[in-house]
N, C-alpha and C. Protein backbone atom coordinates (compact mmCIF):
# COMPACT_ATOMS: atom_id res chain seq x y z
N MET A 1 -76.57 37.65 106.78
CA MET A 1 -76.14 38.61 105.78
C MET A 1 -74.79 39.16 106.19
N GLU A 2 -73.87 39.20 105.28
CA GLU A 2 -72.52 39.68 105.61
C GLU A 2 -72.47 41.20 105.62
N LEU A 3 -71.55 41.75 106.40
CA LEU A 3 -71.36 43.20 106.43
C LEU A 3 -70.58 43.63 105.20
N LEU A 4 -71.01 44.69 104.59
CA LEU A 4 -70.35 45.19 103.40
C LEU A 4 -69.58 46.46 103.73
N GLU A 5 -68.48 46.69 103.01
CA GLU A 5 -67.68 47.88 103.26
C GLU A 5 -68.37 49.13 102.76
N THR A 6 -69.18 49.00 101.73
CA THR A 6 -69.91 50.16 101.22
C THR A 6 -71.38 49.98 101.58
N PRO A 7 -72.10 51.07 101.73
CA PRO A 7 -73.53 50.95 102.06
C PRO A 7 -74.26 50.10 101.03
N HIS A 8 -75.20 49.35 101.49
CA HIS A 8 -75.98 48.46 100.64
C HIS A 8 -77.45 48.68 100.94
N LEU A 9 -78.23 49.08 99.94
CA LEU A 9 -79.66 49.23 100.12
C LEU A 9 -80.29 47.85 100.05
N LEU A 10 -81.04 47.51 101.08
CA LEU A 10 -81.65 46.19 101.16
C LEU A 10 -82.82 46.05 100.21
N THR A 11 -83.00 44.85 99.71
CA THR A 11 -84.21 44.52 98.97
C THR A 11 -85.25 44.09 100.00
N VAL A 12 -86.51 44.06 99.59
CA VAL A 12 -87.56 43.59 100.49
C VAL A 12 -87.26 42.15 100.92
N GLU A 13 -86.78 41.33 100.00
CA GLU A 13 -86.49 39.93 100.33
C GLU A 13 -85.38 39.83 101.39
N GLU A 14 -84.32 40.63 101.24
CA GLU A 14 -83.24 40.62 102.24
C GLU A 14 -83.76 41.07 103.59
N TYR A 15 -84.55 42.12 103.59
CA TYR A 15 -85.11 42.64 104.84
C TYR A 15 -86.00 41.60 105.52
N MET A 16 -86.84 40.94 104.73
CA MET A 16 -87.76 39.96 105.29
C MET A 16 -87.02 38.77 105.88
N SER A 17 -85.81 38.51 105.40
CA SER A 17 -85.04 37.38 105.91
C SER A 17 -84.31 37.69 107.21
N LEU A 18 -84.22 38.97 107.55
CA LEU A 18 -83.52 39.36 108.78
C LEU A 18 -84.38 39.08 110.01
N GLU A 19 -83.74 38.74 111.09
CA GLU A 19 -84.45 38.61 112.36
C GLU A 19 -84.05 39.81 113.21
N ILE A 20 -84.93 40.79 113.27
CA ILE A 20 -84.65 42.05 113.96
C ILE A 20 -85.55 42.15 115.17
N ASP A 21 -84.94 42.39 116.32
CA ASP A 21 -85.73 42.64 117.51
C ASP A 21 -86.30 44.04 117.42
N GLY A 22 -87.51 44.22 117.88
CA GLY A 22 -88.11 45.54 117.87
C GLY A 22 -88.86 45.79 116.57
N LYS A 23 -89.48 46.94 116.51
CA LYS A 23 -90.32 47.33 115.38
C LYS A 23 -89.51 48.17 114.40
N THR A 24 -89.49 47.75 113.13
CA THR A 24 -88.74 48.48 112.10
C THR A 24 -89.58 48.59 110.83
N GLU A 25 -89.15 49.48 109.95
CA GLU A 25 -89.74 49.62 108.62
C GLU A 25 -88.61 49.67 107.61
N LEU A 26 -88.86 49.13 106.42
CA LEU A 26 -87.91 49.23 105.32
C LEU A 26 -88.50 50.22 104.33
N ILE A 27 -87.79 51.33 104.10
CA ILE A 27 -88.25 52.33 103.15
C ILE A 27 -87.09 52.65 102.22
N ASP A 28 -87.30 52.41 100.94
CA ASP A 28 -86.27 52.67 99.92
C ASP A 28 -84.93 52.01 100.27
N GLY A 29 -84.98 50.78 100.77
CA GLY A 29 -83.76 50.02 101.04
C GLY A 29 -83.09 50.31 102.36
N ILE A 30 -83.66 51.20 103.17
CA ILE A 30 -83.06 51.58 104.46
C ILE A 30 -83.97 51.12 105.58
N ILE A 31 -83.38 50.51 106.62
CA ILE A 31 -84.14 50.06 107.78
C ILE A 31 -84.22 51.20 108.79
N TYR A 32 -85.45 51.49 109.22
CA TYR A 32 -85.69 52.53 110.24
C TYR A 32 -86.33 51.90 111.46
N ASP A 33 -85.91 52.33 112.65
CA ASP A 33 -86.62 51.95 113.87
C ASP A 33 -87.94 52.70 113.89
N VAL A 34 -88.99 52.05 114.37
CA VAL A 34 -90.27 52.72 114.56
C VAL A 34 -90.24 53.31 115.95
N LEU A 35 -90.37 54.62 116.03
CA LEU A 35 -90.24 55.34 117.29
C LEU A 35 -91.55 55.32 118.07
N PRO A 36 -91.47 55.42 119.41
CA PRO A 36 -92.70 55.52 120.19
C PRO A 36 -93.43 56.82 119.84
N ARG A 37 -94.73 56.80 119.98
CA ARG A 37 -95.53 57.97 119.61
C ARG A 37 -95.66 58.91 120.80
N ASN A 38 -95.52 60.22 120.54
CA ASN A 38 -95.65 61.21 121.61
C ASN A 38 -97.08 61.77 121.63
N SER A 39 -97.37 62.62 122.60
CA SER A 39 -98.73 63.14 122.77
C SER A 39 -99.28 63.88 121.56
N PRO A 40 -98.55 64.84 120.96
CA PRO A 40 -99.13 65.52 119.79
C PRO A 40 -99.46 64.54 118.66
N HIS A 41 -98.60 63.58 118.45
CA HIS A 41 -98.84 62.57 117.41
C HIS A 41 -100.07 61.74 117.76
N ARG A 42 -100.10 61.21 118.96
CA ARG A 42 -101.21 60.37 119.41
C ARG A 42 -102.54 61.12 119.34
N ASN A 43 -102.55 62.39 119.80
CA ASN A 43 -103.78 63.18 119.79
C ASN A 43 -104.29 63.39 118.37
N ALA A 44 -103.39 63.73 117.44
CA ALA A 44 -103.80 63.97 116.06
C ALA A 44 -104.34 62.69 115.42
N VAL A 45 -103.66 61.57 115.64
CA VAL A 45 -104.12 60.30 115.07
C VAL A 45 -105.49 59.93 115.63
N ASN A 46 -105.65 60.04 116.95
CA ASN A 46 -106.93 59.69 117.56
C ASN A 46 -108.05 60.59 117.06
N PHE A 47 -107.79 61.89 116.94
CA PHE A 47 -108.80 62.82 116.45
C PHE A 47 -109.20 62.47 115.02
N LEU A 48 -108.21 62.27 114.16
CA LEU A 48 -108.50 61.92 112.76
C LEU A 48 -109.32 60.63 112.66
N GLY A 49 -108.91 59.63 113.42
CA GLY A 49 -109.63 58.36 113.40
C GLY A 49 -111.08 58.54 113.81
N LYS A 50 -111.33 59.31 114.87
CA LYS A 50 -112.70 59.51 115.35
C LYS A 50 -113.55 60.30 114.35
N ILE A 51 -113.02 61.39 113.83
CA ILE A 51 -113.82 62.21 112.92
C ILE A 51 -114.12 61.47 111.62
N LEU A 52 -113.15 60.74 111.09
CA LEU A 52 -113.38 59.98 109.86
C LEU A 52 -114.36 58.83 110.10
N GLU A 53 -114.23 58.17 111.23
CA GLU A 53 -115.14 57.07 111.57
C GLU A 53 -116.58 57.59 111.66
N ARG A 54 -116.78 58.72 112.34
CA ARG A 54 -118.12 59.29 112.47
C ARG A 54 -118.69 59.73 111.12
N ALA A 55 -117.85 60.33 110.29
CA ALA A 55 -118.33 60.91 109.04
C ALA A 55 -118.51 59.90 107.91
N ILE A 56 -117.60 58.93 107.79
CA ILE A 56 -117.67 58.01 106.64
C ILE A 56 -117.50 56.55 107.02
N GLY A 57 -117.58 56.25 108.32
CA GLY A 57 -117.38 54.88 108.79
C GLY A 57 -118.40 53.90 108.28
N ASN A 58 -119.55 54.40 107.80
CA ASN A 58 -120.56 53.49 107.23
C ASN A 58 -120.23 53.12 105.78
N ARG A 59 -119.34 53.89 105.14
CA ARG A 59 -118.97 53.62 103.74
C ARG A 59 -117.57 53.03 103.60
N PHE A 60 -116.73 53.21 104.61
CA PHE A 60 -115.34 52.76 104.58
C PHE A 60 -114.96 52.17 105.94
N THR A 61 -113.85 51.46 105.96
CA THR A 61 -113.24 51.03 107.21
C THR A 61 -112.09 51.99 107.48
N ILE A 62 -112.03 52.52 108.69
CA ILE A 62 -110.97 53.44 109.08
C ILE A 62 -109.98 52.66 109.95
N GLN A 63 -108.78 52.48 109.45
CA GLN A 63 -107.73 51.77 110.19
C GLN A 63 -106.79 52.77 110.85
N GLN A 64 -106.37 52.47 112.07
CA GLN A 64 -105.35 53.28 112.74
C GLN A 64 -104.15 52.40 113.01
N GLN A 65 -103.03 52.78 112.41
CA GLN A 65 -101.74 52.13 112.63
C GLN A 65 -101.82 50.62 112.42
N GLU A 66 -102.48 50.26 111.30
CA GLU A 66 -102.57 48.87 110.87
C GLU A 66 -101.92 48.74 109.50
N ALA A 67 -101.47 47.56 109.18
CA ALA A 67 -100.72 47.32 107.95
C ALA A 67 -101.58 47.50 106.69
N VAL A 68 -100.92 48.00 105.65
CA VAL A 68 -101.48 48.07 104.30
C VAL A 68 -100.42 47.46 103.38
N ALA A 69 -100.82 46.46 102.60
CA ALA A 69 -99.87 45.79 101.71
C ALA A 69 -99.66 46.62 100.46
N ILE A 70 -98.47 47.14 100.32
CA ILE A 70 -98.05 47.86 99.13
C ILE A 70 -97.16 46.88 98.36
N THR A 71 -97.13 46.94 97.06
CA THR A 71 -96.36 46.00 96.25
C THR A 71 -95.01 45.69 96.88
N GLY A 72 -94.77 44.42 97.17
CA GLY A 72 -93.50 43.99 97.74
C GLY A 72 -93.47 44.00 99.26
N TRP A 73 -94.38 44.72 99.90
CA TRP A 73 -94.41 44.79 101.37
C TRP A 73 -95.58 43.97 101.86
N LYS A 74 -95.29 42.97 102.66
CA LYS A 74 -96.36 42.14 103.21
C LYS A 74 -96.03 41.73 104.63
N GLY A 75 -97.00 41.13 105.29
CA GLY A 75 -96.79 40.60 106.63
C GLY A 75 -96.30 41.65 107.59
N ARG A 76 -95.35 41.26 108.43
CA ARG A 76 -94.85 42.17 109.46
C ARG A 76 -94.05 43.32 108.87
N ASN A 77 -93.74 43.25 107.57
CA ASN A 77 -92.95 44.29 106.93
C ASN A 77 -93.80 45.33 106.20
N ALA A 78 -95.11 45.15 106.17
CA ALA A 78 -95.98 46.10 105.50
C ALA A 78 -95.99 47.42 106.27
N PRO A 79 -96.09 48.55 105.56
CA PRO A 79 -96.15 49.83 106.27
C PRO A 79 -97.43 49.91 107.10
N GLU A 80 -97.36 50.62 108.19
CA GLU A 80 -98.52 50.81 109.06
C GLU A 80 -98.82 52.31 109.14
N PRO A 81 -99.53 52.83 108.15
CA PRO A 81 -99.84 54.26 108.18
C PRO A 81 -100.67 54.61 109.40
N ASP A 82 -100.55 55.86 109.84
CA ASP A 82 -101.30 56.29 111.02
C ASP A 82 -102.80 56.14 110.80
N ILE A 83 -103.28 56.55 109.63
CA ILE A 83 -104.69 56.39 109.26
C ILE A 83 -104.75 55.87 107.83
N ALA A 84 -105.58 54.86 107.61
CA ALA A 84 -105.84 54.38 106.25
C ALA A 84 -107.35 54.24 106.09
N VAL A 85 -107.86 54.75 104.99
CA VAL A 85 -109.28 54.63 104.66
C VAL A 85 -109.39 53.48 103.66
N ILE A 86 -110.05 52.42 104.10
CA ILE A 86 -110.06 51.15 103.38
C ILE A 86 -111.48 50.83 102.93
N ALA A 87 -111.58 50.08 101.83
CA ALA A 87 -112.89 49.60 101.37
C ALA A 87 -113.52 48.75 102.46
N PRO A 88 -114.82 48.85 102.64
CA PRO A 88 -115.47 48.02 103.66
C PRO A 88 -115.42 46.55 103.25
N GLY A 89 -115.22 45.69 104.21
CA GLY A 89 -115.26 44.25 103.96
C GLY A 89 -114.16 43.72 103.09
N TYR A 90 -112.96 44.32 103.15
CA TYR A 90 -111.87 43.78 102.34
C TYR A 90 -111.59 42.34 102.77
N ILE A 91 -111.10 41.54 101.83
CA ILE A 91 -111.01 40.09 102.04
C ILE A 91 -109.67 39.66 102.64
N ASP A 92 -108.57 40.18 102.15
CA ASP A 92 -107.27 39.76 102.64
C ASP A 92 -107.09 40.11 104.11
N PRO A 93 -106.22 39.39 104.81
CA PRO A 93 -105.95 39.76 106.21
C PRO A 93 -105.35 41.16 106.32
N ILE A 94 -104.63 41.57 105.29
CA ILE A 94 -104.06 42.93 105.26
C ILE A 94 -104.64 43.62 104.04
N ALA A 95 -105.15 44.83 104.23
CA ALA A 95 -105.69 45.60 103.11
C ALA A 95 -104.59 45.84 102.08
N THR A 96 -104.98 45.85 100.83
CA THR A 96 -104.02 46.10 99.75
C THR A 96 -104.16 47.55 99.27
N ALA A 97 -103.23 47.96 98.42
CA ALA A 97 -103.28 49.30 97.85
C ALA A 97 -104.58 49.49 97.06
N LYS A 98 -105.03 48.45 96.39
CA LYS A 98 -106.26 48.53 95.58
C LYS A 98 -107.48 48.81 96.47
N GLU A 99 -107.43 48.38 97.70
CA GLU A 99 -108.56 48.57 98.63
C GLU A 99 -108.41 49.81 99.51
N THR A 100 -107.34 50.58 99.28
CA THR A 100 -107.04 51.73 100.13
C THR A 100 -107.32 53.02 99.36
N PHE A 101 -108.17 53.87 99.93
CA PHE A 101 -108.61 55.09 99.24
C PHE A 101 -107.88 56.34 99.69
N ALA A 102 -107.27 56.32 100.87
CA ALA A 102 -106.49 57.47 101.35
C ALA A 102 -105.65 57.01 102.54
N ILE A 103 -104.50 57.66 102.68
CA ILE A 103 -103.61 57.40 103.81
C ILE A 103 -103.24 58.75 104.42
N VAL A 104 -103.13 58.77 105.75
CA VAL A 104 -102.65 59.96 106.46
C VAL A 104 -101.52 59.53 107.38
N GLU A 105 -100.38 60.16 107.23
CA GLU A 105 -99.27 59.99 108.16
C GLU A 105 -99.19 61.25 109.01
N VAL A 106 -99.09 61.08 110.31
CA VAL A 106 -98.90 62.20 111.22
C VAL A 106 -97.42 62.24 111.56
N SER A 107 -96.80 63.38 111.32
CA SER A 107 -95.35 63.45 111.38
C SER A 107 -94.87 64.55 112.31
N ASP A 108 -94.06 64.15 113.25
CA ASP A 108 -93.38 65.14 114.08
C ASP A 108 -91.89 64.94 113.91
N SER A 109 -91.32 63.96 114.56
CA SER A 109 -89.87 63.71 114.43
C SER A 109 -89.55 62.78 113.25
N THR A 110 -90.56 62.31 112.53
CA THR A 110 -90.35 61.34 111.45
C THR A 110 -90.66 61.91 110.07
N TYR A 111 -90.60 63.21 109.92
CA TYR A 111 -91.02 63.85 108.67
C TYR A 111 -90.24 63.32 107.45
N LYS A 112 -88.92 63.25 107.55
CA LYS A 112 -88.13 62.80 106.39
C LYS A 112 -88.51 61.37 105.99
N ARG A 113 -88.70 60.52 106.96
CA ARG A 113 -89.10 59.14 106.68
C ARG A 113 -90.49 59.10 106.06
N ASP A 114 -91.42 59.87 106.62
CA ASP A 114 -92.77 59.89 106.09
C ASP A 114 -92.80 60.42 104.67
N ARG A 115 -91.94 61.38 104.36
CA ARG A 115 -91.84 61.89 102.98
C ARG A 115 -91.45 60.77 102.02
N ARG A 116 -90.53 59.91 102.44
CA ARG A 116 -90.13 58.80 101.57
C ARG A 116 -91.29 57.84 101.31
N LYS A 117 -92.14 57.66 102.31
CA LYS A 117 -93.30 56.79 102.14
C LYS A 117 -94.27 57.35 101.11
N MET A 118 -94.33 58.67 100.99
CA MET A 118 -95.28 59.29 100.07
C MET A 118 -95.06 58.79 98.64
N ALA A 119 -93.80 58.66 98.23
CA ALA A 119 -93.51 58.16 96.88
C ALA A 119 -94.05 56.75 96.69
N LEU A 120 -93.96 55.91 97.71
CA LEU A 120 -94.45 54.54 97.62
C LEU A 120 -95.97 54.51 97.55
N TYR A 121 -96.62 55.34 98.36
CA TYR A 121 -98.09 55.39 98.34
C TYR A 121 -98.59 55.92 96.99
N VAL A 122 -97.98 57.00 96.50
CA VAL A 122 -98.40 57.58 95.22
C VAL A 122 -98.17 56.58 94.09
N ALA A 123 -97.05 55.88 94.09
CA ALA A 123 -96.78 54.87 93.06
C ALA A 123 -97.82 53.76 93.09
N ALA A 124 -98.38 53.50 94.27
CA ALA A 124 -99.42 52.47 94.41
C ALA A 124 -100.81 53.03 94.10
N GLY A 125 -100.89 54.33 93.76
CA GLY A 125 -102.16 54.93 93.40
C GLY A 125 -103.00 55.39 94.58
N ILE A 126 -102.37 55.59 95.74
CA ILE A 126 -103.10 56.00 96.94
C ILE A 126 -102.79 57.46 97.26
N PRO A 127 -103.80 58.34 97.30
CA PRO A 127 -103.55 59.70 97.74
C PRO A 127 -103.15 59.67 99.22
N ALA A 128 -102.13 60.44 99.56
CA ALA A 128 -101.61 60.40 100.92
C ALA A 128 -101.37 61.81 101.45
N TYR A 129 -101.60 61.97 102.73
CA TYR A 129 -101.44 63.25 103.42
C TYR A 129 -100.37 63.11 104.49
N ILE A 130 -99.67 64.20 104.75
CA ILE A 130 -98.82 64.29 105.94
C ILE A 130 -99.36 65.43 106.78
N VAL A 131 -99.67 65.12 108.03
CA VAL A 131 -99.94 66.17 109.02
C VAL A 131 -98.58 66.52 109.59
N ASN A 132 -98.07 67.67 109.20
CA ASN A 132 -96.74 68.12 109.59
C ASN A 132 -96.87 68.90 110.89
N ILE A 133 -96.63 68.22 112.01
CA ILE A 133 -96.84 68.83 113.33
C ILE A 133 -95.94 70.05 113.57
N PRO A 134 -94.62 69.97 113.33
CA PRO A 134 -93.79 71.15 113.60
C PRO A 134 -94.20 72.38 112.79
N GLU A 135 -94.63 72.18 111.53
CA GLU A 135 -95.02 73.29 110.67
C GLU A 135 -96.50 73.63 110.78
N ARG A 136 -97.26 72.79 111.49
CA ARG A 136 -98.71 72.98 111.67
C ARG A 136 -99.43 73.19 110.34
N ARG A 137 -99.20 72.21 109.46
CA ARG A 137 -99.84 72.25 108.15
C ARG A 137 -100.10 70.82 107.69
N VAL A 138 -100.90 70.71 106.64
CA VAL A 138 -101.21 69.42 106.04
C VAL A 138 -100.76 69.47 104.58
N GLU A 139 -100.06 68.43 104.18
CA GLU A 139 -99.54 68.31 102.82
C GLU A 139 -100.23 67.14 102.13
N LEU A 140 -100.52 67.30 100.84
CA LEU A 140 -101.16 66.26 100.07
C LEU A 140 -100.22 65.77 98.98
N TYR A 141 -100.17 64.47 98.80
CA TYR A 141 -99.34 63.83 97.77
C TYR A 141 -100.26 62.94 96.93
N GLU A 142 -100.50 63.36 95.68
CA GLU A 142 -101.35 62.59 94.77
C GLU A 142 -100.62 62.20 93.49
N SER A 143 -99.54 62.89 93.20
CA SER A 143 -98.85 62.65 91.93
C SER A 143 -97.34 62.70 92.15
N GLU A 144 -96.62 62.29 91.12
CA GLU A 144 -95.16 62.34 91.15
C GLU A 144 -94.68 63.79 91.35
N ASP A 145 -95.39 64.75 90.76
CA ASP A 145 -95.02 66.17 90.94
C ASP A 145 -95.08 66.57 92.41
N ASP A 146 -96.10 66.09 93.12
CA ASP A 146 -96.20 66.39 94.55
C ASP A 146 -95.03 65.79 95.32
N VAL A 147 -94.63 64.58 94.92
CA VAL A 147 -93.56 63.88 95.62
C VAL A 147 -92.23 64.60 95.44
N VAL A 148 -91.95 65.10 94.26
CA VAL A 148 -90.65 65.73 94.02
C VAL A 148 -90.59 67.19 94.47
N SER A 149 -91.73 67.79 94.80
CA SER A 149 -91.69 69.17 95.29
C SER A 149 -91.12 69.20 96.71
N ILE A 150 -90.81 70.38 97.18
CA ILE A 150 -90.14 70.51 98.48
C ILE A 150 -90.99 69.94 99.62
N HIS A 151 -92.26 70.26 99.67
CA HIS A 151 -93.14 69.80 100.76
C HIS A 151 -94.46 69.27 100.24
N GLY A 152 -94.47 68.62 99.10
CA GLY A 152 -95.74 68.18 98.57
C GLY A 152 -96.58 69.40 98.23
N ARG A 153 -97.86 69.20 98.17
CA ARG A 153 -98.77 70.31 97.92
C ARG A 153 -99.39 70.67 99.27
N VAL A 154 -99.04 71.83 99.81
CA VAL A 154 -99.59 72.26 101.09
C VAL A 154 -101.05 72.63 100.83
N VAL A 155 -101.96 71.89 101.47
CA VAL A 155 -103.37 72.11 101.23
C VAL A 155 -104.04 72.90 102.35
N ALA A 156 -103.42 72.93 103.52
CA ALA A 156 -104.02 73.68 104.62
C ALA A 156 -102.98 73.99 105.69
N ARG A 157 -103.09 75.19 106.22
CA ARG A 157 -102.24 75.62 107.33
C ARG A 157 -103.11 75.80 108.57
N PHE A 158 -102.47 76.05 109.69
CA PHE A 158 -103.19 76.29 110.93
C PHE A 158 -104.21 77.40 110.68
N GLY A 159 -105.45 77.21 111.11
CA GLY A 159 -106.51 78.18 110.86
C GLY A 159 -107.32 77.88 109.62
N GLU A 160 -106.87 76.92 108.81
CA GLU A 160 -107.58 76.51 107.60
C GLU A 160 -108.09 75.08 107.79
N SER A 161 -108.75 74.56 106.77
CA SER A 161 -109.21 73.17 106.84
C SER A 161 -108.86 72.46 105.53
N PHE A 162 -108.92 71.14 105.58
CA PHE A 162 -108.65 70.31 104.41
C PHE A 162 -109.71 69.22 104.36
N SER A 163 -109.71 68.45 103.29
CA SER A 163 -110.74 67.44 103.10
C SER A 163 -110.11 66.09 102.79
N VAL A 164 -110.61 65.06 103.46
CA VAL A 164 -110.24 63.67 103.17
C VAL A 164 -111.53 62.97 102.74
N LEU A 165 -111.62 62.62 101.47
CA LEU A 165 -112.80 61.96 100.90
C LEU A 165 -114.09 62.70 101.28
N GLY A 166 -114.04 64.03 101.17
CA GLY A 166 -115.22 64.84 101.43
C GLY A 166 -115.43 65.24 102.88
N VAL A 167 -114.62 64.78 103.78
CA VAL A 167 -114.75 65.14 105.20
C VAL A 167 -113.85 66.34 105.47
N ARG A 168 -114.45 67.47 105.85
CA ARG A 168 -113.69 68.69 106.16
C ARG A 168 -113.12 68.58 107.57
N ILE A 169 -111.83 68.89 107.69
CA ILE A 169 -111.13 68.79 108.98
C ILE A 169 -110.35 70.08 109.19
N ALA A 170 -110.57 70.73 110.32
CA ALA A 170 -109.83 71.95 110.66
C ALA A 170 -108.45 71.55 111.17
N VAL A 171 -107.42 72.16 110.59
CA VAL A 171 -106.05 71.84 111.00
C VAL A 171 -105.87 72.13 112.49
N ALA A 172 -106.42 73.21 113.00
CA ALA A 172 -106.27 73.55 114.42
C ALA A 172 -106.80 72.44 115.33
N ASP A 173 -107.84 71.72 114.88
CA ASP A 173 -108.40 70.63 115.70
C ASP A 173 -107.40 69.50 115.90
N LEU A 174 -106.46 69.35 114.97
CA LEU A 174 -105.47 68.28 115.07
C LEU A 174 -104.48 68.53 116.21
N PHE A 175 -104.41 69.75 116.68
CA PHE A 175 -103.40 70.11 117.68
C PHE A 175 -104.00 70.36 119.06
N LYS A 176 -105.26 70.02 119.25
CA LYS A 176 -105.90 70.16 120.56
C LYS A 176 -105.58 68.93 121.39
N PRO A 177 -105.39 69.12 122.70
CA PRO A 177 -105.16 67.95 123.56
C PRO A 177 -106.40 67.04 123.53
N ALA A 178 -106.16 65.76 123.68
CA ALA A 178 -107.27 64.78 123.65
C ALA A 178 -108.16 64.92 124.86
């Protein structure tokens, strides 16, 4: 691909044709490096995975940092949400949006990037949450209105709880060391 004098937003096809060392994501035409996960992020993801698995693991598959195929994103380029609640026994090697019932992104230094993903998840019909570590709150994105608002719909702050498919989760529990 040739270098352009003006910024060029990549298409999924252009991105898929690139040979990039390291882990990256394409969101709205921009390539982002996938950053290593820090302790608060890792602890929140692990806690969410365990509580959801215990509460609804018999009715759903709980994926942690595994790919979900959203329209146009497949293979190594599919987004890897921190938590995805998937239909049990899905057939494709990568779960599709149709088989995904909820997504949770845990965000510390990646908040702006995770916000961009919310529009893609909502467009695919998937309710999505952001655990906003710096603000110690949880935001829900279910509609275009949520996406265009400043911080989505804040559903719970520290000291409160929120629900993912009927599972109540205390926000404070997300910030406890593992």
